Protein backbone atom coordinates (compact mmCIF):
# COMPACT_ATOMS: atom_id res chain seq x y z
CA MET A 1 118.22 89.00 126.89
CA LYS A 2 116.53 86.21 124.56
CA THR A 3 117.03 86.53 120.91
CA LEU A 4 114.66 84.80 118.14
CA ASN A 5 114.85 85.14 114.52
CA VAL A 6 112.02 85.51 111.83
CA ASP A 7 113.74 83.76 109.07
CA LEU A 8 112.21 85.45 105.62
CA GLY A 9 115.56 85.20 103.25
CA ASP A 10 116.81 88.66 102.67
CA ARG A 11 114.01 90.14 104.92
CA SER A 12 115.00 88.19 108.04
CA TYR A 13 114.94 89.91 111.29
CA PRO A 14 115.78 89.46 115.16
CA ILE A 15 113.42 89.71 118.13
CA TYR A 16 115.04 90.99 121.15
CA ILE A 17 113.24 90.31 124.24
CA GLY A 18 114.63 91.46 127.77
CA GLN A 19 114.59 94.23 130.27
CA HIS A 20 116.13 97.81 129.99
CA LEU A 21 116.86 97.34 126.09
CA LEU A 22 115.92 100.64 125.24
CA THR A 23 119.07 102.12 126.39
CA GLN A 24 121.00 99.69 124.50
CA THR A 25 122.18 101.60 121.32
CA ALA A 26 124.35 98.60 120.16
CA LEU A 27 121.11 96.52 119.57
CA LEU A 28 119.55 99.44 117.05
CA THR A 29 122.46 100.81 115.26
CA PRO A 30 122.99 97.66 112.98
CA TYR A 31 119.34 98.20 111.59
CA ILE A 32 119.61 102.14 110.97
CA VAL A 33 120.69 103.28 107.56
CA GLY A 34 122.31 106.66 107.34
CA LYS A 35 121.75 109.51 110.16
CA GLN A 36 117.79 110.15 109.77
CA VAL A 37 115.48 108.78 112.20
CA LEU A 38 111.74 109.58 112.98
CA ILE A 39 110.24 108.23 116.14
CA VAL A 40 106.51 107.81 115.83
CA THR A 41 104.90 107.38 119.50
CA ASN A 42 101.75 108.79 121.31
CA GLU A 43 100.78 111.18 124.09
CA THR A 44 100.79 108.37 126.69
CA VAL A 45 104.13 106.72 125.94
CA ALA A 46 106.09 109.91 125.08
CA PRO A 47 106.33 111.31 128.57
CA LEU A 48 107.52 107.67 129.78
CA TYR A 49 110.28 106.52 127.11
CA LEU A 50 110.53 109.33 124.33
CA ASP A 51 113.53 110.84 126.29
CA THR A 52 115.23 107.51 127.06
CA LEU A 53 115.22 106.44 123.32
CA LEU A 54 116.36 109.92 122.03
CA THR A 55 119.41 109.82 124.59
CA THR A 56 120.05 106.16 123.06
CA LEU A 57 119.80 107.61 119.50
CA SER A 58 121.83 110.74 120.20
CA ALA A 59 124.21 110.06 117.31
CA TYR A 60 121.30 110.52 114.94
CA LYS A 61 119.42 113.33 113.88
CA SER A 62 116.26 112.33 115.33
CA ASN A 63 112.70 113.80 114.76
CA THR A 64 109.63 112.83 116.59
CA VAL A 65 106.03 112.92 115.96
CA VAL A 66 103.57 112.39 118.85
CA LEU A 67 100.23 111.27 118.18
CA LYS A 68 97.03 111.04 119.97
CA ASP A 69 96.53 107.73 121.92
CA GLY A 70 93.65 105.44 121.14
CA GLU A 71 92.37 103.27 118.52
CA GLN A 72 90.15 105.77 117.23
CA TYR A 73 93.05 107.60 115.82
CA LYS A 74 94.29 104.60 113.92
CA SER A 75 93.06 106.36 110.51
CA LEU A 76 94.36 107.63 107.12
CA VAL A 77 93.62 111.19 108.77
CA THR A 78 96.25 110.81 111.53
CA LEU A 79 98.56 108.72 109.10
CA ASN A 80 99.22 112.09 107.46
CA GLN A 81 100.58 113.43 110.48
CA ILE A 82 103.44 110.99 109.94
CA PHE A 83 103.93 111.90 106.24
CA ASP A 84 103.80 115.59 107.23
CA ALA A 85 106.58 115.17 109.89
CA ALA A 86 108.91 113.56 107.31
CA LEU A 87 108.21 115.72 104.58
CA SER A 88 108.38 118.99 106.61
CA ASN A 89 111.83 117.96 107.98
CA LYS A 90 112.93 116.85 104.25
CA LEU A 91 113.54 113.39 105.35
CA ASN A 92 114.81 110.94 102.50
CA ARG A 93 114.98 107.45 101.49
CA GLN A 94 117.79 106.72 104.19
CA LEU A 95 115.23 107.53 106.65
CA THR A 96 114.38 104.75 109.56
CA ILE A 97 110.87 105.09 111.15
CA ILE A 98 110.70 103.93 114.59
CA ALA A 99 107.50 102.80 116.11
CA LEU A 100 107.52 103.47 120.18
CA GLY A 101 104.29 102.28 121.50
CA GLY A 102 101.51 99.90 121.45
CA GLY A 103 99.80 98.19 118.54
CA VAL A 104 98.07 101.32 116.97
CA ILE A 105 101.40 103.14 116.97
CA GLY A 106 103.25 100.21 115.45
CA ASP A 107 100.48 99.48 112.83
CA MET A 108 100.55 103.10 111.58
CA ALA A 109 104.17 103.73 111.79
CA GLY A 110 104.82 100.60 109.62
CA PHE A 111 102.20 101.39 107.16
CA ALA A 112 103.62 104.97 106.79
CA ALA A 113 107.37 103.30 106.32
CA SER A 114 105.71 101.19 103.50
CA CYS A 115 104.48 104.06 101.60
CA TYR A 116 106.69 107.22 102.44
CA GLN A 117 109.01 107.26 99.05
CA ARG A 118 107.99 103.64 98.30
CA GLY A 119 109.42 102.23 101.39
CA VAL A 120 111.94 103.28 104.11
CA ASN A 121 113.43 101.30 106.92
CA PHE A 122 111.16 100.48 109.95
CA ILE A 123 111.95 99.06 113.44
CA GLN A 124 109.34 98.13 115.98
CA ILE A 125 109.78 98.99 119.71
CA PRO A 126 106.42 97.74 121.37
CA THR A 127 105.89 99.01 124.54
CA THR A 128 102.59 97.11 125.53
CA LEU A 129 102.27 93.48 125.84
CA LEU A 130 99.70 92.79 123.10
CA ALA A 131 102.22 94.34 120.69
CA GLN A 132 105.33 92.51 121.97
CA VAL A 133 103.51 89.10 121.44
CA ASP A 134 101.68 89.82 118.42
CA SER A 135 101.27 93.34 116.13
CA SER A 136 104.98 93.90 116.38
CA VAL A 137 105.79 90.75 115.09
CA GLY A 138 105.22 89.70 111.22
CA GLY A 139 104.89 92.68 109.07
CA LYS A 140 100.90 93.46 109.22
CA THR A 141 100.73 97.04 108.88
CA ALA A 142 97.15 99.11 108.38
CA VAL A 143 94.82 101.71 109.63
CA ASN A 144 91.01 101.30 110.24
CA HIS A 145 87.90 102.31 108.04
CA PRO A 146 84.72 103.43 109.63
CA LEU A 147 83.35 100.33 107.84
CA GLY A 148 86.04 97.71 108.74
CA LYS A 149 89.24 97.29 111.04
CA ASN A 150 92.55 97.14 109.35
CA MET A 151 90.97 97.17 105.91
CA ILE A 152 93.85 99.67 104.47
CA GLY A 153 97.07 98.34 104.71
CA ALA A 154 100.28 96.38 103.63
CA PHE A 155 102.51 93.65 104.65
CA TYR A 156 105.72 95.30 105.75
CA GLN A 157 108.32 93.72 107.65
CA PRO A 158 110.37 95.79 110.14
CA ARG A 159 114.32 95.50 110.51
CA CYS A 160 114.15 94.38 114.04
CA VAL A 161 111.81 94.34 117.08
CA LEU A 162 112.91 95.38 120.29
CA ALA A 163 110.49 94.15 123.21
CA ASP A 164 111.81 95.75 126.31
CA THR A 165 109.58 94.08 129.05
CA SER A 166 110.45 96.53 131.43
CA THR A 167 108.00 98.92 129.84
CA LEU A 168 105.22 96.46 130.91
CA ASP A 169 105.58 98.07 134.56
CA THR A 170 103.80 101.10 133.47
CA LEU A 171 100.85 99.18 131.56
CA PRO A 172 97.52 99.94 133.15
CA GLU A 173 95.89 96.70 134.23
CA ARG A 174 93.34 96.74 131.58
CA GLU A 175 95.81 96.88 128.84
CA LEU A 176 97.73 94.18 130.40
CA SER A 177 94.83 91.91 130.70
CA ALA A 178 94.05 92.87 126.94
CA GLY A 179 97.75 91.78 125.83
CA ILE A 180 96.94 88.34 127.78
CA ALA A 181 94.31 87.61 125.39
CA GLU A 182 96.61 87.33 122.40
CA VAL A 183 99.05 85.34 124.91
CA ILE A 184 96.06 82.74 125.28
CA LYS A 185 95.46 82.55 121.66
CA TYR A 186 98.74 80.90 120.97
CA GLY A 187 98.00 78.31 123.26
CA VAL A 188 94.43 77.58 122.28
CA ILE A 189 95.44 77.54 118.36
CA ARG A 190 98.62 75.43 118.45
CA ASP A 191 100.54 75.13 121.65
CA ALA A 192 98.64 73.08 124.18
CA ILE A 193 101.46 72.83 126.49
CA PHE A 194 101.84 76.46 126.76
CA PHE A 195 98.12 76.60 127.46
CA GLU A 196 98.60 74.39 130.56
CA TRP A 197 101.45 76.73 131.64
CA LEU A 198 99.10 79.61 131.32
CA GLU A 199 96.51 77.83 133.45
CA SER A 200 99.38 77.60 136.25
CA ASN A 201 100.67 81.22 135.92
CA ILE A 202 98.00 83.31 134.90
CA GLU A 203 97.86 84.98 138.38
CA ALA A 204 101.78 85.54 137.89
CA LEU A 205 101.19 87.41 134.54
CA LEU A 206 98.54 89.68 136.06
CA ALA A 207 100.92 90.29 138.92
CA ARG A 208 103.61 91.41 136.32
CA ASP A 209 106.20 88.74 137.44
CA HIS A 210 109.15 89.63 135.36
CA GLN A 211 109.89 86.02 134.81
CA ALA A 212 106.72 84.71 133.66
CA LEU A 213 106.06 87.63 131.39
CA ALA A 214 109.39 87.37 129.67
CA TYR A 215 108.60 83.70 129.11
CA ALA A 216 105.39 84.55 127.84
CA VAL A 217 106.56 87.00 125.52
CA GLU A 218 109.20 84.45 124.48
CA VAL A 219 106.93 81.51 123.44
CA SER A 220 104.31 83.84 122.01
CA CYS A 221 106.68 85.38 119.54
CA ARG A 222 108.39 81.93 118.62
CA ASN A 223 104.96 80.74 118.01
CA LYS A 224 104.16 83.62 115.63
CA ALA A 225 107.69 83.41 113.97
CA GLU A 226 106.95 79.87 113.01
CA ILE A 227 103.74 80.78 111.54
CA VAL A 228 104.87 83.81 109.51
CA GLU A 229 108.14 82.09 108.40
CA GLN A 230 105.62 79.51 106.64
CA ASP A 231 103.14 81.74 105.47
CA GLU A 232 103.63 85.29 105.59
CA HIS A 233 101.04 86.96 103.58
CA GLU A 234 98.33 85.05 105.24
CA ARG A 235 97.26 82.82 102.39
CA GLY A 236 96.94 79.62 104.63
CA MET A 237 98.01 78.76 108.35
CA ARG A 238 98.68 82.42 109.28
CA ALA A 239 94.82 82.86 109.05
CA LEU A 240 94.64 80.86 112.35
CA LEU A 241 96.23 83.48 114.13
CA ASN A 242 92.90 85.36 113.93
CA LEU A 243 90.84 83.17 116.29
CA GLY A 244 88.48 85.49 117.83
CA HIS A 245 89.15 88.22 115.34
CA THR A 246 86.12 88.16 112.96
CA PHE A 247 83.93 88.47 116.23
CA GLY A 248 86.15 90.85 117.95
CA HIS A 249 86.56 93.15 114.98
CA ALA A 250 82.87 93.38 114.59
CA ILE A 251 82.65 94.19 118.38
CA GLU A 252 85.04 97.10 117.91
CA ALA A 253 83.43 98.43 114.83
CA ALA A 254 79.97 98.39 116.47
CA CYS A 255 80.93 99.59 119.78
CA GLY A 256 83.23 102.38 118.15
CA TYR A 257 86.79 102.14 117.97
CA GLY A 258 88.76 102.28 121.33
CA VAL A 259 85.31 101.65 123.64
CA TRP A 260 86.49 98.09 123.76
CA LEU A 261 90.29 97.34 123.64
CA HIS A 262 91.33 95.21 120.94
CA GLY A 263 92.18 92.30 123.28
CA GLU A 264 89.00 92.43 124.98
CA ALA A 265 87.25 92.07 121.56
CA VAL A 266 89.24 89.19 120.83
CA ALA A 267 89.07 87.64 124.16
CA ALA A 268 85.36 87.71 123.86
CA GLY A 269 85.44 86.50 120.20
CA MET A 270 87.68 83.39 121.19
CA CYS A 271 84.96 82.65 123.61
CA MET A 272 82.28 82.79 120.81
CA ALA A 273 84.67 80.74 118.42
CA ALA A 274 84.92 77.99 121.34
CA GLU A 275 81.20 77.99 121.84
CA LEU A 276 80.35 77.75 118.32
CA SER A 277 83.10 75.13 117.61
CA ASN A 278 81.05 73.14 120.69
CA ARG A 279 77.74 73.63 119.28
CA LEU A 280 79.00 72.37 115.86
CA GLY A 281 80.06 69.23 117.75
CA TRP A 282 83.64 69.82 117.01
CA LEU A 283 85.23 70.96 120.28
CA PRO A 284 84.54 68.97 123.42
CA GLU A 285 82.69 70.78 126.33
CA GLN A 286 85.64 70.23 128.55
CA ASP A 287 88.18 72.12 126.14
CA MET A 288 85.31 75.00 125.67
CA GLN A 289 85.06 75.63 129.38
CA ARG A 290 88.99 75.66 129.74
CA ILE A 291 89.27 78.21 127.32
CA ILE A 292 86.19 80.44 128.76
CA ASP A 293 87.58 80.17 132.39
CA LEU A 294 91.28 80.85 131.70
CA ILE A 295 90.20 83.81 129.99
CA ALA A 296 87.78 85.13 132.65
CA ARG A 297 90.78 84.30 135.25
CA ALA A 298 92.78 86.94 133.07
CA LYS A 299 89.92 89.60 133.68
CA LEU A 300 88.85 89.66 130.36
CA PRO A 301 85.16 89.60 128.71
CA ILE A 302 83.82 86.35 127.81
CA LYS A 303 80.39 87.46 126.19
CA PRO A 304 79.91 90.22 123.59
CA PRO A 305 78.27 93.55 124.62
CA ASN A 306 74.65 93.44 125.48
CA SER A 307 74.33 96.17 122.95
CA MET A 308 75.25 94.14 120.00
CA THR A 309 72.54 92.75 117.48
CA VAL A 310 72.70 89.73 115.18
CA ALA A 311 72.31 92.38 112.54
CA GLN A 312 75.30 94.06 113.55
CA PHE A 313 77.38 91.05 113.58
CA THR A 314 76.36 89.57 110.18
CA GLU A 315 76.92 93.07 108.56
CA LEU A 316 80.31 93.62 110.00
CA MET A 317 81.51 90.00 109.83
CA ALA A 318 80.52 90.19 106.14
CA VAL A 319 83.01 92.52 105.37
CA ASP A 320 85.89 91.08 107.18
CA LYS A 321 89.13 90.66 105.22
CA LYS A 322 88.66 86.77 105.46
CA VAL A 323 85.59 86.83 103.91
CA GLU A 324 86.15 84.83 100.56
CA ASP A 325 83.25 84.73 97.63
CA GLY A 326 80.66 85.98 99.87
CA LYS A 327 81.19 83.08 102.58
CA ILE A 328 82.34 84.07 105.83
CA ARG A 329 85.48 82.14 107.14
CA LEU A 330 86.16 81.73 110.83
CA VAL A 331 88.81 80.19 112.94
CA LEU A 332 87.13 77.49 114.76
CA LEU A 333 88.55 74.81 117.00
CA LYS A 334 88.76 70.85 116.98
CA ALA A 335 90.53 70.65 120.31
CA LEU A 336 92.92 72.94 122.64
CA GLY A 337 95.90 73.32 120.48
CA HIS A 338 93.94 72.25 117.02
CA ALA A 339 92.40 75.06 115.20
CA LEU A 340 91.30 75.34 111.61
CA THR A 341 90.06 78.07 109.24
CA THR A 342 86.82 77.13 107.36
CA ALA A 343 83.71 78.41 105.73
CA ASP A 344 82.38 74.96 105.59
CA PHE A 345 80.39 74.83 108.82
CA ASP A 346 76.59 74.70 109.50
CA GLY A 347 74.81 78.01 108.52
CA VAL A 348 71.59 77.22 110.80
CA ILE A 349 73.90 76.46 113.77
CA PHE A 350 75.86 79.50 113.22
CA GLU A 351 72.79 81.98 112.92
CA ARG A 352 71.05 79.93 115.98
CA TYR A 353 74.26 80.85 117.92
CA LEU A 354 74.43 84.52 117.12
CA SER A 355 70.85 84.51 118.10
CA ASP A 356 71.52 83.18 121.52
CA SER A 357 74.52 85.35 122.15
CA CYS A 358 72.83 88.73 121.17
CA ALA A 359 69.76 90.49 123.05
CA VAL A 360 68.21 91.51 119.65
């Protein structure tokens, strides 16, 4: 087992990474206050891991809420099911909410924890690669709105993160690839050495080699922890973690949440950011091609959906959280491992690039 720490003063917490951690009661008990636990999971994960976790927490009064699975259910309506469970079971401020699932479950359970009785304990147990390397770390919690992804939420840090890599054995291939998109992101924005490692080991990750997966999770979490420690509330460098996300969120919203997985949309968005950076004269052609080639080798999309129009992209990107004073801010690239967040790019080149990337 590897242990990393997110250093945020009195809100610091550990990230435990390893196999078969779900059965280790001693890892969780220091972070549960009182005896009340509410496990939030979904219909896919519950049959696989809920009984194991309930056995691990047998000393506690555990309640569960099992939500429908999918990005399309990441909404205020679904969020109320968590509050209904907490209130109907008369759970108080000594409650610990535990997220058992992927990024959607982690985001909703964390947001519920931030709101319920103005804030209760929260533990992340991510069961997908995407959640283990990205969404479970850093305290971003939210639900979607029909007009924009993750537009309603809060920064709320967990007490600990338990990344049991053995849960990745049951992950569908499509979701494994979607998680690899976020792994690749760290190499592209700030860790060129890790990017080179990924170029040599992408097939091992796709084959679920336990050693390769554990290393990828560890390096990804370390990169994210270092960024979050310096910019918890995304007022500066943390925005670099959004590489590909402004394009990607537009893709998700235009197609309908859940049609494209988040990681798939981010993958296409990273390719778009790389291509735009190249057109602006910032990113060398060779670096752009290496990014696109690695994403393609990970069995991820490298282009937006054929159905998307320029109007859809511009309209949906205009309501992104990274828009400031009416200007779209994008994470773009100067080189592999060197990203920047900027609104200072040639708008004509940007519009021409969108026109060339879209059918209409």
